[in-house]
Amino acid sequence: MSSDRLIRAYLEANRRMMAESKDMTLATTVTFLGAAVWSDYQDSEGEPLTLEDLAVKVGMTPTTISQHLRYLGIGYRSGRPGLGLVLTDINPDNRRKKTFDLTPRGRGLAAQLALILRRAT
C-alpha cells in the first residue's frame, strides 16, 4: 500500500533528524523544515524572509522560532553549542529583525530528507 510506504519514509526521515540530536522536538523539526523550505524565498520587496515571517508560515510564535533557531544554529543557551544547521543574521534594513538561512550542513540534511521522502512517491 502506498500510504504505508509514505509513512515508512516519514519515519526514516524522522530517524535521520533524530540522528542530529536525540533531544530535538517535533516543533524544532518543523522549524528546521520551514527554514529549509523558505530560506531562499524573498518578500514582496525582494528582501529575505525574517524570523517573524517564518513564524507565520509554520504557525508558531516569533519567540519560539527564535529559540528553535538558536538550538539549530551555532549556539544555544549557557554557551551550549547548537547543531550548526541554520544561520541567523540581523536584517540590515531593520536591525530589530533577523533573517535566516541554512548552513551547508543544513542544506545537506535538507537534501537527505528530500531524497528519503522522494523515494516513497
PDB file of N, CA and C in Angstrom:
ATOM      1  N   MET A   1       0.847  -1.182   0.000  1.00  0.00           N
ATOM      2  CA  MET A   1       0.000   0.000   0.000  1.00  0.00           C
ATOM      3  C   MET A   1       0.891   1.244   0.000  1.00  0.00           C
ATOM      4  N   SER A   2       0.582   2.213  -0.835  1.00  0.00           N
ATOM      5  CA  SER A   2       1.441   3.390  -0.984  1.00  0.00           C
ATOM      6  C   SER A   2       1.481   4.252   0.275  1.00  0.00           C
ATOM      7  N   SER A   3       0.380   4.268   1.039  1.00  0.00           N
ATOM      8  CA  SER A   3       0.403   5.075   2.267  1.00  0.00           C
ATOM      9  C   SER A   3       1.377   4.487   3.279  1.00  0.00           C
ATOM     10  N   ASP A   4       1.500   3.144   3.322  1.00  0.00           N
ATOM     11  CA  ASP A   4       2.490   2.527   4.204  1.00  0.00           C
ATOM     12  C   ASP A   4       3.898   2.963   3.818  1.00  0.00           C
ATOM     13  N   ARG A   5       4.175   3.000   2.520  1.00  0.00           N
ATOM     14  CA  ARG A   5       5.499   3.392   2.046  1.00  0.00           C
ATOM     15  C   ARG A   5       5.797   4.840   2.435  1.00  0.00           C
ATOM     16  N   LEU A   6       4.800   5.700   2.308  1.00  0.00           N
ATOM     17  CA  LEU A   6       4.979   7.107   2.664  1.00  0.00           C
ATOM     18  C   LEU A   6       5.203   7.280   4.170  1.00  0.00           C
ATOM     19  N   ILE A   7       4.443   6.543   4.963  1.00  0.00           N
ATOM     20  CA  ILE A   7       4.610   6.619   6.422  1.00  0.00           C
ATOM     21  C   ILE A   7       5.982   6.090   6.823  1.00  0.00           C
ATOM     22  N   ARG A   8       6.418   5.003   6.199  1.00  0.00           N
ATOM     23  CA  ARG A   8       7.759   4.474   6.495  1.00  0.00           C
ATOM     24  C   ARG A   8       8.843   5.496   6.131  1.00  0.00           C
ATOM     25  N   ALA A   9       8.658   6.173   5.008  1.00  0.00           N
ATOM     26  CA  ALA A   9       9.620   7.207   4.604  1.00  0.00           C
ATOM     27  C   ALA A   9       9.627   8.348   5.613  1.00  0.00           C
ATOM     28  N   TYR A  10       8.455   8.737   6.083  1.00  0.00           N
ATOM     29  CA  TYR A  10       8.385   9.787   7.103  1.00  0.00           C
ATOM     30  C   TYR A  10       9.153   9.349   8.352  1.00  0.00           C
ATOM     31  N   LEU A  11       8.948   8.098   8.779  1.00  0.00           N
ATOM     32  CA  LEU A  11       9.655   7.597   9.962  1.00  0.00           C
ATOM     33  C   LEU A  11      11.162   7.569   9.731  1.00  0.00           C
ATOM     34  N   GLU A  12      11.584   7.177   8.529  1.00  0.00           N
ATOM     35  CA  GLU A  12      13.011   7.176   8.210  1.00  0.00           C
ATOM     36  C   GLU A  12      13.574   8.601   8.243  1.00  0.00           C
ATOM     37  N   ALA A  13      12.831   9.549   7.691  1.00  0.00           N
ATOM     38  CA  ALA A  13      13.266  10.951   7.725  1.00  0.00           C
ATOM     39  C   ALA A  13      13.344  11.449   9.166  1.00  0.00           C
ATOM     40  N   ASN A  14      12.387  11.055   9.985  1.00  0.00           N
ATOM     41  CA  ASN A  14      12.400  11.444  11.398  1.00  0.00           C
ATOM     42  C   ASN A  14      13.618  10.849  12.112  1.00  0.00           C
ATOM     43  N   ARG A  15      13.936   9.597  11.812  1.00  0.00           N
ATOM     44  CA  ARG A  15      15.143   8.991  12.406  1.00  0.00           C
ATOM     45  C   ARG A  15      16.397   9.769  11.991  1.00  0.00           C
ATOM     46  N   ARG A  16      16.412  10.220  10.736  1.00  0.00           N
ATOM     47  CA  ARG A  16      17.566  10.997  10.264  1.00  0.00           C
ATOM     48  C   ARG A  16      17.686  12.305  11.041  1.00  0.00           C
ATOM     49  N   MET A  17      16.549  12.947  11.299  1.00  0.00           N
ATOM     50  CA  MET A  17      16.570  14.175  12.108  1.00  0.00           C
ATOM     51  C   MET A  17      17.047  13.874  13.529  1.00  0.00           C
ATOM     52  N   MET A  18      16.564  12.775  14.103  1.00  0.00           N
ATOM     53  CA  MET A  18      16.962  12.419  15.465  1.00  0.00           C
ATOM     54  C   MET A  18      18.446  12.068  15.546  1.00  0.00           C
ATOM     55  N   ALA A  19      19.039  11.653  14.430  1.00  0.00           N
ATOM     56  CA  ALA A  19      20.475  11.378  14.427  1.00  0.00           C
ATOM     57  C   ALA A  19      21.276  12.662  14.659  1.00  0.00           C
ATOM     58  N   GLU A  20      20.697  13.806  14.312  1.00  0.00           N
ATOM     59  CA  GLU A  20      21.350  15.090  14.580  1.00  0.00           C
ATOM     60  C   GLU A  20      21.346  15.399  16.069  1.00  0.00           C
ATOM     61  N   SER A  21      20.241  15.072  16.728  1.00  0.00           N
ATOM     62  CA  SER A  21      20.123  15.316  18.166  1.00  0.00           C
ATOM     63  C   SER A  21      18.949  14.526  18.715  1.00  0.00           C
ATOM     64  N   LYS A  22      19.218  13.696  19.695  1.00  0.00           N
ATOM     65  CA  LYS A  22      18.151  12.905  20.329  1.00  0.00           C
ATOM     66  C   LYS A  22      17.154  13.797  21.060  1.00  0.00           C
ATOM     67  N   ASP A  23      17.564  15.025  21.410  1.00  0.00           N
ATOM     68  CA  ASP A  23      16.699  15.942  22.155  1.00  0.00           C
ATOM     69  C   ASP A  23      15.806  16.792  21.259  1.00  0.00           C
ATOM     70  N   MET A  24      15.926  16.658  19.941  1.00  0.00           N
ATOM     71  CA  MET A  24      15.168  17.525  19.048  1.00  0.00           C
ATOM     72  C   MET A  24      13.676  17.205  19.122  1.00  0.00           C
ATOM     73  N   THR A  25      12.890  18.238  19.388  1.00  0.00           N
ATOM     74  CA  THR A  25      11.440  18.068  19.469  1.00  0.00           C
ATOM     75  C   THR A  25      10.820  18.132  18.076  1.00  0.00           C
ATOM     76  N   LEU A  26       9.576  17.697  17.982  1.00  0.00           N
ATOM     77  CA  LEU A  26       8.854  17.788  16.717  1.00  0.00           C
ATOM     78  C   LEU A  26       8.727  19.247  16.285  1.00  0.00           C
ATOM     79  N   ALA A  27       8.456  20.138  17.226  1.00  0.00           N
ATOM     80  CA  ALA A  27       8.315  21.561  16.890  1.00  0.00           C
ATOM     81  C   ALA A  27       9.623  22.126  16.332  1.00  0.00           C
ATOM     82  N   THR A  28      10.749  21.712  16.882  1.00  0.00           N
ATOM     83  CA  THR A  28      12.040  22.170  16.368  1.00  0.00           C
ATOM     84  C   THR A  28      12.292  21.606  14.976  1.00  0.00           C
ATOM     85  N   THR A  29      11.879  20.366  14.761  1.00  0.00           N
ATOM     86  CA  THR A  29      11.979  19.767  13.428  1.00  0.00           C
ATOM     87  C   THR A  29      11.152  20.558  12.427  1.00  0.00           C
ATOM     88  N   VAL A  30       9.940  20.950  12.815  1.00  0.00           N
ATOM     89  CA  VAL A  30       9.083  21.753  11.935  1.00  0.00           C
ATOM     90  C   VAL A  30       9.762  23.085  11.617  1.00  0.00           C
ATOM     91  N   THR A  31      10.398  23.695  12.603  1.00  0.00           N
ATOM     92  CA  THR A  31      11.124  24.947  12.363  1.00  0.00           C
ATOM     93  C   THR A  31      12.244  24.729  11.354  1.00  0.00           C
ATOM     94  N   PHE A  32      13.003  23.637  11.512  1.00  0.00           N
ATOM     95  CA  PHE A  32      14.071  23.348  10.546  1.00  0.00           C
ATOM     96  C   PHE A  32      13.496  23.151   9.149  1.00  0.00           C
ATOM     97  N   LEU A  33      12.420  22.374   9.043  1.00  0.00           N
ATOM     98  CA  LEU A  33      11.812  22.131   7.733  1.00  0.00           C
ATOM     99  C   LEU A  33      11.306  23.431   7.119  1.00  0.00           C
ATOM    100  N   GLY A  34      10.716  24.295   7.944  1.00  0.00           N
ATOM    101  CA  GLY A  34      10.273  25.598   7.449  1.00  0.00           C
ATOM    102  C   GLY A  34      11.438  26.434   6.959  1.00  0.00           C
ATOM    103  N   ALA A  35      12.526  26.440   7.719  1.00  0.00           N
ATOM    104  CA  ALA A  35      13.721  27.186   7.297  1.00  0.00           C
ATOM    105  C   ALA A  35      14.269  26.614   5.994  1.00  0.00           C
ATOM    106  N   ALA A  36      14.212  25.288   5.849  1.00  0.00           N
ATOM    107  CA  ALA A  36      14.697  24.657   4.619  1.00  0.00           C
ATOM    108  C   ALA A  36      13.835  25.052   3.423  1.00  0.00           C
ATOM    109  N   VAL A  37      12.534  25.085   3.614  1.00  0.00           N
ATOM    110  CA  VAL A  37      11.619  25.417   2.516  1.00  0.00           C
ATOM    111  C   VAL A  37      11.722  26.891   2.140  1.00  0.00           C
ATOM    112  N   TRP A  38      11.772  27.778   3.137  1.00  0.00           N
ATOM    113  CA  TRP A  38      11.648  29.212   2.871  1.00  0.00           C
ATOM    114  C   TRP A  38      12.944  30.011   2.974  1.00  0.00           C
ATOM    115  N   SER A  39      14.085  29.361   3.139  1.00  0.00           N
ATOM    116  CA  SER A  39      15.335  30.125   3.295  1.00  0.00           C
ATOM    117  C   SER A  39      15.715  30.889   2.029  1.00  0.00           C
ATOM    118  N   ASP A  40      15.306  30.420   0.879  1.00  0.00           N
ATOM    119  CA  ASP A  40      15.657  31.101  -0.373  1.00  0.00           C
ATOM    120  C   ASP A  40      14.561  32.036  -0.872  1.00  0.00           C
ATOM    121  N   TYR A  41      13.460  32.124  -0.142  1.00  0.00           N
ATOM    122  CA  TYR A  41      12.347  32.989  -0.560  1.00  0.00           C
ATOM    123  C   TYR A  41      12.628  34.432  -0.175  1.00  0.00           C
ATOM    124  N   GLN A  42      11.960  35.338  -0.872  1.00  0.00           N
ATOM    125  CA  GLN A  42      12.047  36.764  -0.559  1.00  0.00           C
ATOM    126  C   GLN A  42      10.638  37.319  -0.409  1.00  0.00           C
ATOM    127  N   ASP A  43      10.538  38.413   0.329  1.00  0.00           N
ATOM    128  CA  ASP A  43       9.231  39.053   0.474  1.00  0.00           C
ATOM    129  C   ASP A  43       8.906  39.858  -0.785  1.00  0.00           C
ATOM    130  N   SER A  44       7.796  40.564  -0.763  1.00  0.00           N
ATOM    131  CA  SER A  44       7.339  41.310  -1.949  1.00  0.00           C
ATOM    132  C   SER A  44       8.292  42.433  -2.352  1.00  0.00           C
ATOM    133  N   GLU A  45       9.167  42.845  -1.437  1.00  0.00           N
ATOM    134  CA  GLU A  45      10.136  43.900  -1.736  1.00  0.00           C
ATOM    135  C   GLU A  45      11.512  43.337  -2.081  1.00  0.00           C
ATOM    136  N   GLY A  46      11.598  42.021  -2.243  1.00  0.00           N
ATOM    137  CA  GLY A  46      12.862  41.391  -2.603  1.00  0.00           C
ATOM    138  C   GLY A  46      13.809  41.164  -1.445  1.00  0.00           C
ATOM    139  N   GLU A  47      13.316  41.309  -0.219  1.00  0.00           N
ATOM    140  CA  GLU A  47      14.147  41.116   0.971  1.00  0.00           C
ATOM    141  C   GLU A  47      14.015  39.675   1.467  1.00  0.00           C
ATOM    142  N   PRO A  48      15.072  39.145   2.111  1.00  0.00           N
ATOM    143  CA  PRO A  48      14.961  37.800   2.686  1.00  0.00           C
ATOM    144  C   PRO A  48      13.864  37.775   3.754  1.00  0.00           C
ATOM    145  N   LEU A  49      13.263  36.606   3.936  1.00  0.00           N
ATOM    146  CA  LEU A  49      12.236  36.479   4.966  1.00  0.00           C
ATOM    147  C   LEU A  49      12.864  36.602   6.348  1.00  0.00           C
ATOM    148  N   THR A  50      12.079  37.079   7.299  1.00  0.00           N
ATOM    149  CA  THR A  50      12.541  37.257   8.674  1.00  0.00           C
ATOM    150  C   THR A  50      12.044  36.112   9.547  1.00  0.00           C
ATOM    151  N   LEU A  51      12.539  36.071  10.778  1.00  0.00           N
ATOM    152  CA  LEU A  51      12.058  35.081  11.735  1.00  0.00           C
ATOM    153  C   LEU A  51      10.557  35.223  11.936  1.00  0.00           C
ATOM    154  N   GLU A  52      10.056  36.451  11.927  1.00  0.00           N
ATOM    155  CA  GLU A  52       8.615  36.682  12.083  1.00  0.00           C
ATOM    156  C   GLU A  52       7.842  36.084  10.910  1.00  0.00           C
ATOM    157  N   ASP A  53       8.379  36.222   9.690  1.00  0.00           N
ATOM    158  CA  ASP A  53       7.748  35.613   8.510  1.00  0.00           C
ATOM    159  C   ASP A  53       7.705  34.095   8.650  1.00  0.00           C
ATOM    160  N   LEU A  54       8.821  33.508   9.089  1.00  0.00           N
ATOM    161  CA  LEU A  54       8.884  32.061   9.273  1.00  0.00           C
ATOM    162  C   LEU A  54       7.882  31.614  10.330  1.00  0.00           C
ATOM    163  N   ALA A  55       7.763  32.382  11.404  1.00  0.00           N
ATOM    164  CA  ALA A  55       6.811  32.045  12.467  1.00  0.00           C
ATOM    165  C   ALA A  55       5.392  31.957  11.916  1.00  0.00           C
ATOM    166  N   VAL A  56       5.007  32.914  11.089  1.00  0.00           N
ATOM    167  CA  VAL A  56       3.667  32.904  10.487  1.00  0.00           C
ATOM    168  C   VAL A  56       3.508  31.675   9.600  1.00  0.00           C
ATOM    169  N   LYS A  57       4.511  31.373   8.805  1.00  0.00           N
ATOM    170  CA  LYS A  57       4.416  30.266   7.853  1.00  0.00           C
ATOM    171  C   LYS A  57       4.297  28.907   8.537  1.00  0.00           C
ATOM    172  N   VAL A  58       4.957  28.725   9.678  1.00  0.00           N
ATOM    173  CA  VAL A  58       4.895  27.423  10.358  1.00  0.00           C
ATOM    174  C   VAL A  58       3.909  27.401  11.523  1.00  0.00           C
ATOM    175  N   GLY A  59       3.274  28.534  11.811  1.00  0.00           N
ATOM    176  CA  GLY A  59       2.244  28.571  12.844  1.00  0.00           C
ATOM    177  C   GLY A  59       2.766  28.568  14.265  1.00  0.00           C
ATOM    178  N   MET A  60       3.877  29.249  14.492  1.00  0.00           N
ATOM    179  CA  MET A  60       4.450  29.363  15.840  1.00  0.00           C
ATOM    180  C   MET A  60       4.688  30.834  16.153  1.00  0.00           C
ATOM    181  N   THR A  61       5.023  31.118  17.397  1.00  0.00           N
ATOM    182  CA  THR A  61       5.321  32.495  17.772  1.00  0.00           C
ATOM    183  C   THR A  61       6.761  32.836  17.373  1.00  0.00           C
ATOM    184  N   PRO A  62       7.040  34.114  17.126  1.00  0.00           N
ATOM    185  CA  PRO A  62       8.424  34.511  16.822  1.00  0.00           C
ATOM    186  C   PRO A  62       9.406  34.132  17.935  1.00  0.00           C
ATOM    187  N   THR A  63       8.968  34.202  19.184  1.00  0.00           N
ATOM    188  CA  THR A  63       9.839  33.833  20.302  1.00  0.00           C
ATOM    189  C   THR A  63      10.233  32.365  20.223  1.00  0.00           C
ATOM    190  N   THR A  64       9.260  31.511  19.918  1.00  0.00           N
ATOM    191  CA  THR A  64       9.537  30.080  19.785  1.00  0.00           C
ATOM    192  C   THR A  64      10.485  29.821  18.628  1.00  0.00           C
ATOM    193  N   ILE A  65      10.240  30.470  17.494  1.00  0.00           N
ATOM    194  CA  ILE A  65      11.120  30.309  16.330  1.00  0.00           C
ATOM    195  C   ILE A  65      12.538  30.746  16.680  1.00  0.00           C
ATOM    196  N   SER A  66      12.677  31.852  17.385  1.00  0.00           N
ATOM    197  CA  SER A  66      13.989  32.348  17.781  1.00  0.00           C
ATOM    198  C   SER A  66      14.721  31.319  18.644  1.00  0.00           C
ATOM    199  N   GLN A  67      14.018  30.725  19.609  1.00  0.00           N
ATOM    200  CA  GLN A  67      14.621  29.696  20.465  1.00  0.00           C
ATOM    201  C   GLN A  67      15.047  28.487  19.644  1.00  0.00           C
ATOM    202  N   HIS A  68      14.171  28.045  18.750  1.00  0.00           N
ATOM    203  CA  HIS A  68      14.497  26.886  17.917  1.00  0.00           C
ATOM    204  C   HIS A  68      15.705  27.167  17.030  1.00  0.00           C
ATOM    205  N   LEU A  69      15.767  28.355  16.444  1.00  0.00           N
ATOM    206  CA  LEU A  69      16.877  28.671  15.546  1.00  0.00           C
ATOM    207  C   LEU A  69      18.201  28.802  16.293  1.00  0.00           C
ATOM    208  N   ARG A  70      18.159  29.213  17.559  1.00  0.00           N
ATOM    209  CA  ARG A  70      19.393  29.206  18.356  1.00  0.00           C
ATOM    210  C   ARG A  70      19.872  27.766  18.549  1.00  0.00           C
ATOM    211  N   TYR A  71      18.951  26.861  18.855  1.00  0.00           N
ATOM    212  CA  TYR A  71      19.274  25.442  19.032  1.00  0.00           C
ATOM    213  C   TYR A  71      19.794  24.843  17.721  1.00  0.00           C
ATOM    214  N   LEU A  72      19.136  25.189  16.611  1.00  0.00           N
ATOM    215  CA  LEU A  72      19.537  24.681  15.296  1.00  0.00           C
ATOM    216  C   LEU A  72      20.767  25.404  14.751  1.00  0.00           C
ATOM    217  N   GLY A  73      21.102  26.544  15.337  1.00  0.00           N
ATOM    218  CA  GLY A  73      22.189  27.381  14.844  1.00  0.00           C
ATOM    219  C   GLY A  73      23.520  27.087  15.492  1.00  0.00           C
ATOM    220  N   ILE A  74      24.267  28.160  15.752  1.00  0.00           N
ATOM    221  CA  ILE A  74      25.629  27.966  16.260  1.00  0.00           C
ATOM    222  C   ILE A  74      25.720  27.938  17.779  1.00  0.00           C
ATOM    223  N   GLY A  75      24.720  28.462  18.472  1.00  0.00           N
ATOM    224  CA  GLY A  75      24.803  28.458  19.916  1.00  0.00           C
ATOM    225  C   GLY A  75      23.461  28.506  20.586  1.00  0.00           C
ATOM    226  N   TYR A  76      23.337  27.761  21.644  1.00  0.00           N
ATOM    227  CA  TYR A  76      22.091  27.680  22.387  1.00  0.00           C
ATOM    228  C   TYR A  76      22.288  28.420  23.696  1.00  0.00           C
ATOM    229  N   ARG A  77      21.621  28.033  24.742  1.00  0.00           N
ATOM    230  CA  ARG A  77      21.749  28.767  25.999  1.00  0.00           C
ATOM    231  C   ARG A  77      22.965  28.333  26.814  1.00  0.00           C
ATOM    232  N   SER A  78      23.386  29.230  27.658  1.00  0.00           N
ATOM    233  CA  SER A  78      24.511  29.000  28.570  1.00  0.00           C
ATOM    234  C   SER A  78      25.763  28.521  27.845  1.00  0.00           C
ATOM    235  N   GLY A  79      25.965  29.044  26.639  1.00  0.00           N
ATOM    236  CA  GLY A  79      27.163  28.691  25.902  1.00  0.00           C
ATOM    237  C   GLY A  79      27.152  27.312  25.269  1.00  0.00           C
ATOM    238  N   ARG A  80      26.035  26.585  25.385  1.00  0.00           N
ATOM    239  CA  ARG A  80      25.964  25.259  24.754  1.00  0.00           C
ATOM    240  C   ARG A  80      25.984  25.413  23.239  1.00  0.00           C
ATOM    241  N   PRO A  81      26.761  24.585  22.561  1.00  0.00           N
ATOM    242  CA  PRO A  81      26.803  24.702  21.103  1.00  0.00           C
ATOM    243  C   PRO A  81      25.488  24.255  20.476  1.00  0.00           C
ATOM    244  N   GLY A  82      25.132  24.893  19.373  1.00  0.00           N
ATOM    245  CA  GLY A  82      23.961  24.483  18.615  1.00  0.00           C
ATOM    246  C   GLY A  82      24.337  23.390  17.628  1.00  0.00           C
ATOM    247  N   LEU A  83      23.403  23.067  16.746  1.00  0.00           N
ATOM    248  CA  LEU A  83      23.612  21.979  15.791  1.00  0.00           C
ATOM    249  C   LEU A  83      24.315  22.418  14.512  1.00  0.00           C
ATOM    250  N   GLY A  84      24.438  23.724  14.290  1.00  0.00           N
ATOM    251  CA  GLY A  84      25.140  24.213  13.107  1.00  0.00           C
ATOM    252  C   GLY A  84      24.400  23.995  11.798  1.00  0.00           C
ATOM    253  N   LEU A  85      23.069  23.954  11.856  1.00  0.00           N
ATOM    254  CA  LEU A  85      22.257  23.715  10.660  1.00  0.00           C
ATOM    255  C   LEU A  85      21.703  24.996  10.052  1.00  0.00           C
ATOM    256  N   VAL A  86      21.573  26.032  10.872  1.00  0.00           N
ATOM    257  CA  VAL A  86      20.928  27.276  10.446  1.00  0.00           C
ATOM    258  C   VAL A  86      21.768  28.467  10.901  1.00  0.00           C
ATOM    259  N   LEU A  87      21.791  29.501  10.081  1.00  0.00           N
ATOM    260  CA  LEU A  87      22.420  30.773  10.447  1.00  0.00           C
ATOM    261  C   LEU A  87      21.339  31.834  10.573  1.00  0.00           C
ATOM    262  N   THR A  88      21.498  32.729  11.510  1.00  0.00           N
ATOM    263  CA  THR A  88      20.639  33.911  11.567  1.00  0.00           C
ATOM    264  C   THR A  88      21.531  35.135  11.441  1.00  0.00           C
ATOM    265  N   ASP A  89      20.939  36.202  10.925  1.00  0.00           N
ATOM    266  CA  ASP A  89      21.699  37.434  10.745  1.00  0.00           C
ATOM    267  C   ASP A  89      20.758  38.605  10.982  1.00  0.00           C
ATOM    268  N   ILE A  90      21.302  39.709  11.408  1.00  0.00           N
ATOM    269  CA  ILE A  90      20.490  40.912  11.608  1.00  0.00           C
ATOM    270  C   ILE A  90      20.138  41.488  10.250  1.00  0.00           C
ATOM    271  N   ASN A  91      18.882  41.827  10.069  1.00  0.00           N
ATOM    272  CA  ASN A  91      18.412  42.439   8.829  1.00  0.00           C
ATOM    273  C   ASN A  91      19.012  43.845   8.734  1.00  0.00           C
ATOM    274  N   PRO A  92      19.800  44.139   7.695  1.00  0.00           N
ATOM    275  CA  PRO A  92      20.447  45.450   7.610  1.00  0.00           C
ATOM    276  C   PRO A  92      19.456  46.608   7.463  1.00  0.00           C
ATOM    277  N   ASP A  93      18.254  46.329   6.961  1.00  0.00           N
ATOM    278  CA  ASP A  93      17.254  47.386   6.792  1.00  0.00           C
ATOM    279  C   ASP A  93      16.441  47.641   8.055  1.00  0.00           C
ATOM    280  N   ASN A  94      16.424  46.674   8.960  1.00  0.00           N
ATOM    281  CA  ASN A  94      15.686  46.814  10.214  1.00  0.00           C
ATOM    282  C   ASN A  94      16.411  45.980  11.258  1.00  0.00           C
ATOM    283  N   ARG A  95      17.279  46.613  12.007  1.00  0.00           N
ATOM    284  CA  ARG A  95      18.164  45.905  12.930  1.00  0.00           C
ATOM    285  C   ARG A  95      17.439  45.192  14.060  1.00  0.00           C
ATOM    286  N   ARG A  96      16.139  45.430  14.205  1.00  0.00           N
ATOM    287  CA  ARG A  96      15.369  44.711  15.224  1.00  0.00           C
ATOM    288  C   ARG A  96      14.897  43.348  14.725  1.00  0.00           C
ATOM    289  N   LYS A  97      15.080  43.094  13.445  1.00  0.00           N
ATOM    290  CA  LYS A  97      14.624  41.832  12.859  1.00  0.00           C
ATOM    291  C   LYS A  97      15.815  41.002  12.409  1.00  0.00           C
ATOM    292  N   LYS A  98      15.607  39.687  12.368  1.00  0.00           N
ATOM    293  CA  LYS A  98      16.653  38.776  11.917  1.00  0.00           C
ATOM    294  C   LYS A  98      16.172  37.993  10.707  1.00  0.00           C
ATOM    295  N   THR A  99      17.125  37.641   9.865  1.00  0.00           N
ATOM    296  CA  THR A  99      16.865  36.767   8.729  1.00  0.00           C
ATOM    297  C   THR A  99      17.494  35.404   9.029  1.00  0.00           C
ATOM    298  N   PHE A 100      17.202  34.424   8.198  1.00  0.00           N
ATOM    299  CA  PHE A 100      17.700  33.067   8.431  1.00  0.00           C
ATOM    300  C   PHE A 100      18.134  32.438   7.117  1.00  0.00           C
ATOM    301  N   ASP A 101      19.028  31.475   7.220  1.00  0.00           N
ATOM    302  CA  ASP A 101      19.473  30.699   6.067  1.00  0.00           C
ATOM    303  C   ASP A 101      20.021  29.380   6.594  1.00  0.00           C
ATOM    304  N   LEU A 102      20.117  28.395   5.724  1.00  0.00           N
ATOM    305  CA  LEU A 102      20.723  27.127   6.107  1.00  0.00           C
ATOM    306  C   LEU A 102      22.228  27.198   5.903  1.00  0.00           C
ATOM    307  N   THR A 103      22.956  26.520   6.761  1.00  0.00           N
ATOM    308  CA  THR A 103      24.392  26.343   6.562  1.00  0.00           C
ATOM    309  C   THR A 103      24.576  25.255   5.504  1.00  0.00           C
ATOM    310  N   PRO A 104      25.784  25.073   5.000  1.00  0.00           N
ATOM    311  CA  PRO A 104      25.999  23.943   4.089  1.00  0.00           C
ATOM    312  C   PRO A 104      25.578  22.611   4.721  1.00  0.00           C
ATOM    313  N   ARG A 105      25.851  22.456   6.004  1.00  0.00           N
ATOM    314  CA  ARG A 105      25.434  21.227   6.703  1.00  0.00           C
ATOM    315  C   ARG A 105      23.910  21.111   6.728  1.00  0.00           C
ATOM    316  N   GLY A 106      23.223  22.229   6.979  1.00  0.00           N
ATOM    317  CA  GLY A 106      21.762  22.236   6.980  1.00  0.00           C
ATOM    318  C   GLY A 106      21.195  21.930   5.605  1.00  0.00           C
ATOM    319  N   ARG A 107      21.821  22.478   4.563  1.00  0.00           N
ATOM    320  CA  ARG A 107      21.376  22.179   3.185  1.00  0.00           C
ATOM    321  C   ARG A 107      21.569  20.698   2.866  1.00  0.00           C
ATOM    322  N   GLY A 108      22.665  20.136   3.349  1.00  0.00           N
ATOM    323  CA  GLY A 108      22.904  18.705   3.142  1.00  0.00           C
ATOM    324  C   GLY A 108      21.847  17.852   3.818  1.00  0.00           C
ATOM    325  N   LEU A 109      21.503  18.212   5.048  1.00  0.00           N
ATOM    326  CA  LEU A 109      20.465  17.474   5.768  1.00  0.00           C
ATOM    327  C   LEU A 109      19.123  17.606   5.062  1.00  0.00           C
ATOM    328  N   ALA A 110      18.779  18.801   4.633  1.00  0.00           N
ATOM    329  CA  ALA A 110      17.514  19.006   3.921  1.00  0.00           C
ATOM    330  C   ALA A 110      17.477  18.172   2.644  1.00  0.00           C
ATOM    331  N   ALA A 111      18.594  18.090   1.940  1.00  0.00           N
ATOM    332  CA  ALA A 111      18.656  17.285   0.715  1.00  0.00           C
ATOM    333  C   ALA A 111      18.480  15.799   1.030  1.00  0.00           C
ATOM    334  N   GLN A 112      19.067  15.340   2.127  1.00  0.00           N
ATOM    335  CA  GLN A 112      18.897  13.941   2.531  1.00  0.00           C
ATOM    336  C   GLN A 112      17.439  13.636   2.851  1.00  0.00           C
ATOM    337  N   LEU A 113      16.781  14.540   3.578  1.00  0.00           N
ATOM    338  CA  LEU A 113      15.368  14.338   3.920  1.00  0.00           C
ATOM    339  C   LEU A 113      14.506  14.315   2.664  1.00  0.00           C
ATOM    340  N   ALA A 114      14.789  15.221   1.733  1.00  0.00           N
ATOM    341  CA  ALA A 114      14.025  15.263   0.481  1.00  0.00           C
ATOM    342  C   ALA A 114      14.207  13.964  -0.302  1.00  0.00           C
ATOM    343  N   LEU A 115      15.414  13.435  -0.329  1.00  0.00           N
ATOM    344  CA  LEU A 115      15.676  12.186  -1.037  1.00  0.00           C
ATOM    345  C   LEU A 115      14.909  11.028  -0.401  1.00  0.00           C
ATOM    346  N   ILE A 116      14.935  10.952   0.915  1.00  0.00           N
ATOM    347  CA  ILE A 116      14.202   9.897   1.622  1.00  0.00           C
ATOM    348  C   ILE A 116      12.721   9.950   1.263  1.00  0.00           C
ATOM    349  N   LEU A 117      12.150  11.131   1.303  1.00  0.00           N
ATOM    350  CA  LEU A 117      10.714  11.272   1.037  1.00  0.00           C
ATOM    351  C   LEU A 117      10.397  11.098  -0.448  1.00  0.00           C
ATOM    352  N   ARG A 118      11.283  11.541  -1.319  1.00  0.00           N
ATOM    353  CA  ARG A 118      11.065  11.406  -2.761  1.00  0.00           C
ATOM    354  C   ARG A 118      11.023   9.936  -3.169  1.00  0.00           C
ATOM    355  N   ARG A 119      11.834   9.102  -2.529  1.00  0.00           N
ATOM    356  CA  ARG A 119      11.854   7.675  -2.856  1.00  0.00           C
ATOM    357  C   ARG A 119      10.514   7.000  -2.577  1.00  0.00           C
ATOM    358  N   ALA A 120       9.717   7.581  -1.690  1.00  0.00           N
ATOM    359  CA  ALA A 120       8.433   6.975  -1.319  1.00  0.00           C
ATOM    360  C   ALA A 120       7.323   7.314  -2.297  1.00  0.00           C
ATOM    361  N   THR A 121       7.555   8.282  -3.165  1.00  0.00           N
ATOM    362  CA  THR A 121       6.477   8.687  -4.081  1.00  0.00           C
ATOM    363  C   THR A 121       6.711   8.189  -5.489  1.00  0.00           C
TER     364      THR A 121
END
